[in-house]
C-alpha atoms as a PDB file:
ATOM      1  CA  UNK A   1      34.251  20.531  29.389  1.00  0.00           C
ATOM      2  CA  UNK A   2      34.211  24.015  30.887  1.00  0.00           C
ATOM      3  CA  UNK A   3      37.825  23.790  31.962  1.00  0.00           C
ATOM      4  CA  UNK A   4      38.855  22.620  28.502  1.00  0.00           C
ATOM      5  CA  UNK A   5      36.833  25.417  26.903  1.00  0.00           C
ATOM      6  CA  UNK A   6      38.458  28.078  29.029  1.00  0.00           C
ATOM      7  CA  UNK A   7      41.904  26.563  28.520  1.00  0.00           C
ATOM      8  CA  UNK A   8      41.412  26.558  24.749  1.00  0.00           C
ATOM      9  CA  UNK A   9      40.808  30.308  24.858  1.00  0.00           C
ATOM     10  CA  UNK A  10      43.674  31.063  27.218  1.00  0.00           C
ATOM     11  CA  UNK A  11      46.517  29.012  25.765  1.00  0.00           C
ATOM     12  CA  UNK A  12      47.730  28.423  22.265  1.00  0.00           C
ATOM     13  CA  UNK A  13      47.529  24.626  22.244  1.00  0.00           C
ATOM     14  CA  UNK A  14      45.636  22.279  20.021  1.00  0.00           C
ATOM     15  CA  UNK A  15      42.374  20.808  21.382  1.00  0.00           C
ATOM     16  CA  UNK A  16      43.857  17.301  21.563  1.00  0.00           C
ATOM     17  CA  UNK A  17      46.599  18.484  23.918  1.00  0.00           C
ATOM     18  CA  UNK A  18      44.082  20.365  26.038  1.00  0.00           C
ATOM     19  CA  UNK A  19      41.828  17.286  26.155  1.00  0.00           C
ATOM     20  CA  UNK A  20      44.792  15.133  27.134  1.00  0.00           C
ATOM     21  CA  UNK A  21      45.856  17.446  29.966  1.00  0.00           C
ATOM     22  CA  UNK A  22      42.313  17.930  31.266  1.00  0.00           C
ATOM     23  CA  UNK A  23      41.713  14.167  31.159  1.00  0.00           C
ATOM     24  CA  UNK A  24      44.972  13.449  32.957  1.00  0.00           C
ATOM     25  CA  UNK A  25      44.168  15.935  35.733  1.00  0.00           C
ATOM     26  CA  UNK A  26      40.547  14.852  36.121  1.00  0.00           C
ATOM     27  CA  UNK A  27      41.257  11.124  35.982  1.00  0.00           C
ATOM     28  CA  UNK A  28      44.137  11.444  38.440  1.00  0.00           C
ATOM     29  CA  UNK A  29      41.978  13.395  40.907  1.00  0.00           C
ATOM     30  CA  UNK A  30      39.126  10.882  40.643  1.00  0.00           C
ATOM     31  CA  UNK A  31      41.610   8.030  40.967  1.00  0.00           C
ATOM     32  CA  UNK A  32      42.453   9.345  44.433  1.00  0.00           C
ATOM     33  CA  UNK A  33      38.745   8.951  45.361  1.00  0.00           C
ATOM     34  CA  UNK A  34      38.820   5.464  43.908  1.00  0.00           C
ATOM     35  CA  UNK A  35      41.987   4.467  45.810  1.00  0.00           C
ATOM     36  CA  UNK A  36      40.565   5.746  49.111  1.00  0.00           C
ATOM     37  CA  UNK A  37      37.393   3.699  48.635  1.00  0.00           C
ATOM     38  CA  UNK A  38      39.505   0.759  47.432  1.00  0.00           C
ATOM     39  CA  UNK A  39      41.279   0.601  50.790  1.00  0.00           C
ATOM     40  CA  UNK A  40      38.213   1.534  52.857  1.00  0.00           C
ATOM     41  CA  UNK A  41      36.566  -1.560  51.382  1.00  0.00           C
ATOM     42  CA  UNK A  42      38.610  -3.670  53.799  1.00  0.00           C
ATOM     43  CA  UNK A  43      36.738  -2.140  56.751  1.00  0.00           C
ATOM     44  CA  UNK A  44      33.099  -2.460  55.685  1.00  0.00           C
ATOM     45  CA  UNK A  45      30.715  -5.064  57.044  1.00  0.00           C
ATOM     46  CA  UNK A  46      29.677  -8.269  55.346  1.00  0.00           C
ATOM     47  CA  UNK A  47      26.113  -7.076  54.667  1.00  0.00           C
ATOM     48  CA  UNK A  48      27.345  -3.883  53.017  1.00  0.00           C
ATOM     49  CA  UNK A  49      29.856  -5.863  50.949  1.00  0.00           C
ATOM     50  CA  UNK A  50      27.042  -8.136  49.807  1.00  0.00           C
ATOM     51  CA  UNK A  51      24.943  -5.155  48.619  1.00  0.00           C
ATOM     52  CA  UNK A  52      27.935  -3.592  46.880  1.00  0.00           C
ATOM     53  CA  UNK A  53      28.734  -6.877  45.199  1.00  0.00           C
ATOM     54  CA  UNK A  54      25.134  -7.001  43.940  1.00  0.00           C
ATOM     55  CA  UNK A  55      25.591  -3.492  42.509  1.00  0.00           C
ATOM     56  CA  UNK A  56      28.807  -4.547  40.820  1.00  0.00           C
ATOM     57  CA  UNK A  57      27.098  -7.621  39.386  1.00  0.00           C
ATOM     58  CA  UNK A  58      24.350  -5.416  37.949  1.00  0.00           C
ATOM     59  CA  UNK A  59      26.991  -3.272  36.298  1.00  0.00           C
ATOM     60  CA  UNK A  60      28.873  -6.411  35.286  1.00  0.00           C
ATOM     61  CA  UNK A  61      30.695  -6.088  32.025  1.00  0.00           C
ATOM     62  CA  UNK A  62      29.188  -2.619  31.586  1.00  0.00           C
ATOM     63  CA  UNK A  63      31.244  -1.133  34.434  1.00  0.00           C
ATOM     64  CA  UNK A  64      33.792   0.480  32.140  1.00  0.00           C
ATOM     65  CA  UNK A  65      31.087   1.866  29.860  1.00  0.00           C
ATOM     66  CA  UNK A  66      29.144   3.248  32.832  1.00  0.00           C
ATOM     67  CA  UNK A  67      32.315   4.869  34.138  1.00  0.00           C
ATOM     68  CA  UNK A  68      33.069   6.327  30.700  1.00  0.00           C
ATOM     69  CA  UNK A  69      29.547   7.769  30.441  1.00  0.00           C
ATOM     70  CA  UNK A  70      29.583   9.437  33.856  1.00  0.00           C
ATOM     71  CA  UNK A  71      33.068  10.814  33.155  1.00  0.00           C
ATOM     72  CA  UNK A  72      31.949  12.289  29.832  1.00  0.00           C
ATOM     73  CA  UNK A  73      28.695  13.765  31.128  1.00  0.00           C
ATOM     74  CA  UNK A  74      27.411  15.979  33.918  1.00  0.00           C
ATOM     75  CA  UNK A  75      25.951  12.930  35.663  1.00  0.00           C
ATOM     76  CA  UNK A  76      27.253  12.373  39.196  1.00  0.00           C
ATOM     77  CA  UNK A  77      30.054   9.835  39.136  1.00  0.00           C
ATOM     78  CA  UNK A  78      30.270   8.898  42.809  1.00  0.00           C
ATOM     79  CA  UNK A  79      27.456   6.283  42.558  1.00  0.00           C
ATOM     80  CA  UNK A  80      29.725   4.426  40.115  1.00  0.00           C
ATOM     81  CA  UNK A  81      33.165   5.282  41.518  1.00  0.00           C
ATOM     82  CA  UNK A  82      32.490   4.351  45.143  1.00  0.00           C
ATOM     83  CA  UNK A  83      31.081   0.845  44.546  1.00  0.00           C
ATOM     84  CA  UNK A  84      33.832   0.089  42.041  1.00  0.00           C
ATOM     85  CA  UNK A  85      36.481   1.140  44.563  1.00  0.00           C
ATOM     86  CA  UNK A  86      34.894  -0.703  47.460  1.00  0.00           C
ATOM     87  CA  UNK A  87      34.608  -3.872  45.394  1.00  0.00           C
ATOM     88  CA  UNK A  88      38.216  -3.531  44.212  1.00  0.00           C
ATOM     89  CA  UNK A  89      37.443  -3.118  40.516  1.00  0.00           C
ATOM     90  CA  UNK A  90      40.564  -3.310  38.351  1.00  0.00           C
ATOM     91  CA  UNK A  91      42.444   0.004  38.930  1.00  0.00           C
ATOM     92  CA  UNK A  92      43.864   0.092  35.394  1.00  0.00           C
ATOM     93  CA  UNK A  93      40.438  -0.407  33.809  1.00  0.00           C
ATOM     94  CA  UNK A  94      39.040   2.236  36.147  1.00  0.00           C
ATOM     95  CA  UNK A  95      41.666   4.831  35.253  1.00  0.00           C
ATOM     96  CA  UNK A  96      41.504   4.144  31.518  1.00  0.00           C
ATOM     97  CA  UNK A  97      37.691   4.288  31.331  1.00  0.00           C
ATOM     98  CA  UNK A  98      37.529   7.509  33.348  1.00  0.00           C
ATOM     99  CA  UNK A  99      40.424   9.022  31.416  1.00  0.00           C
ATOM    100  CA  UNK A 100      38.751   8.173  28.089  1.00  0.00           C
ATOM    101  CA  UNK A 101      35.493   9.838  29.142  1.00  0.00           C
ATOM    102  CA  UNK A 102      37.238  12.997  30.324  1.00  0.00           C
ATOM    103  CA  UNK A 103      39.446  13.030  27.227  1.00  0.00           C
ATOM    104  CA  UNK A 104      36.407  12.923  24.919  1.00  0.00           C
ATOM    105  CA  UNK A 105      34.584  15.693  26.741  1.00  0.00           C
ATOM    106  CA  UNK A 106      37.794  17.728  27.041  1.00  0.00           C
ATOM    107  CA  UNK A 107      38.500  17.597  23.303  1.00  0.00           C
ATOM    108  CA  UNK A 108      34.869  18.447  22.518  1.00  0.00           C
ATOM    109  CA  UNK A 109      34.997  21.380  24.931  1.00  0.00           C
ATOM    110  CA  UNK A 110      38.235  22.679  23.429  1.00  0.00           C
ATOM    111  CA  UNK A 111      36.932  22.434  19.861  1.00  0.00           C
ATOM    112  CA  UNK A 112      33.649  24.053  20.912  1.00  0.00           C
ATOM    113  CA  UNK A 113      35.531  26.969  22.478  1.00  0.00           C
ATOM    114  CA  UNK A 114      37.653  27.443  19.368  1.00  0.00           C
ATOM    115  CA  UNK A 115      34.518  27.399  17.204  1.00  0.00           C
ATOM    116  CA  UNK A 116      32.748  29.980  19.388  1.00  0.00           C
ATOM    117  CA  UNK A 117      35.906  32.076  19.549  1.00  0.00           C
ATOM    118  CA  UNK A 118      36.096  32.231  15.727  1.00  0.00           C
ATOM    119  CA  UNK A 119      32.394  33.080  15.474  1.00  0.00           C
ATOM    120  CA  UNK A 120      32.315  35.937  17.974  1.00  0.00           C
ATOM    121  CA  UNK A 121      35.855  37.306  17.651  1.00  0.00           C
ATOM    122  CA  UNK A 122      34.751  39.982  15.155  1.00  0.00           C
ATOM    123  CA  UNK A 123      32.455  41.445  17.838  1.00  0.00           C
ATOM    124  CA  UNK A 124      34.220  40.648  21.114  1.00  0.00           C
ATOM    125  CA  UNK A 125      37.811  40.966  22.172  1.00  0.00           C
ATOM    126  CA  UNK A 126      39.561  37.826  23.344  1.00  0.00           C
ATOM    127  CA  UNK A 127      39.583  39.161  26.915  1.00  0.00           C
ATOM    128  CA  UNK A 128      35.819  39.801  26.872  1.00  0.00           C
ATOM    129  CA  UNK A 129      35.248  36.319  25.489  1.00  0.00           C
ATOM    130  CA  UNK A 130      37.360  34.792  28.274  1.00  0.00           C
ATOM    131  CA  UNK A 131      35.430  36.720  30.932  1.00  0.00           C
ATOM    132  CA  UNK A 132      32.112  35.654  29.344  1.00  0.00           C
ATOM    133  CA  UNK A 133      33.300  32.049  29.268  1.00  0.00           C
ATOM    134  CA  UNK A 134      34.295  32.124  32.936  1.00  0.00           C
ATOM    135  CA  UNK A 135      30.957  33.693  33.920  1.00  0.00           C
ATOM    136  CA  UNK A 136      29.086  31.104  31.847  1.00  0.00           C
ATOM    137  CA  UNK A 137      31.127  28.331  33.488  1.00  0.00           C
ATOM    138  CA  UNK A 138      30.191  29.603  36.950  1.00  0.00           C
ATOM    139  CA  UNK A 139      26.504  29.962  36.040  1.00  0.00           C
ATOM    140  CA  UNK A 140      26.306  26.482  34.501  1.00  0.00           C
ATOM    141  CA  UNK A 141      28.171  24.969  37.450  1.00  0.00           C
ATOM    142  CA  UNK A 142      25.659  26.516  39.862  1.00  0.00           C
ATOM    143  CA  UNK A 143      22.795  25.224  37.703  1.00  0.00           C
ATOM    144  CA  UNK A 144      24.294  21.734  37.672  1.00  0.00           C
ATOM    145  CA  UNK A 145      24.568  21.803  41.468  1.00  0.00           C
ATOM    146  CA  UNK A 146      20.984  23.010  41.852  1.00  0.00           C
ATOM    147  CA  UNK A 147      19.350  20.745  39.243  1.00  0.00           C
ATOM    148  CA  UNK A 148      19.098  17.000  39.678  1.00  0.00           C
ATOM    149  CA  UNK A 149      20.141  15.859  36.194  1.00  0.00           C
ATOM    150  CA  UNK A 150      18.929  12.305  36.755  1.00  0.00           C
ATOM    151  CA  UNK A 151      15.484  13.515  37.825  1.00  0.00           C
ATOM    152  CA  UNK A 152      15.209  15.779  34.762  1.00  0.00           C
ATOM    153  CA  UNK A 153      16.261  12.929  32.460  1.00  0.00           C
ATOM    154  CA  UNK A 154      13.734  10.626  34.133  1.00  0.00           C
ATOM    155  CA  UNK A 155      10.940  13.176  33.620  1.00  0.00           C
ATOM    156  CA  UNK A 156      11.844  13.543  29.944  1.00  0.00           C
ATOM    157  CA  UNK A 157      11.898   9.766  29.464  1.00  0.00           C
ATOM    158  CA  UNK A 158       8.543   9.400  31.224  1.00  0.00           C
ATOM    159  CA  UNK A 159       7.025  12.109  29.030  1.00  0.00           C
ATOM    160  CA  UNK A 160       8.369  10.405  25.908  1.00  0.00           C
ATOM    161  CA  UNK A 161       6.933   7.066  27.043  1.00  0.00           C
ATOM    162  CA  UNK A 162       3.514   8.592  27.699  1.00  0.00           C
ATOM    163  CA  UNK A 163       3.437  10.480  24.381  1.00  0.00           C
ATOM    164  CA  UNK A 164       5.236   8.385  21.768  1.00  0.00           C
ATOM    165  CA  UNK A 165       5.932  10.031  18.435  1.00  0.00           C
ATOM    166  CA  UNK A 166       3.378   9.152  15.748  1.00  0.00           C
ATOM    167  CA  UNK A 167       4.542   6.608  13.200  1.00  0.00           C
ATOM    168  CA  UNK A 168       4.317   7.369   9.519  1.00  0.00           C
END
């Protein structure tokens, strides 16, 4: 999303093109991870294969949706990508699901950047806005590395479960 946002401010392309290019680059890079694990799967032990197969069975028909969600969110994707590669999940389904997730978040990021750019352009030059966007990207990237998103989400869900909203 951050890459698409910065690209939308730097180049004169529509958000759909930016989303397409970001998705192609991201999905292709992640596909390399997938392919490596796909071929490493031939060298793992029977017990490990059994556990991975159990993981794949739990994902079942939701594998593509899970892959789409992790591609379109800041959630770590390796817990999904690695088992799918090791268990030789369909490479075309893998690429398409990951591409779709990155495409969605890329288009959203590009539109968001254009919206912000129109809002603040009367007060900030385009160069200042680009610098602010890059700084914000770095800060948010550091935060995402430091904060365990899954743990935060789990805490929020636990708090919601303990204190349900009153019904009318």
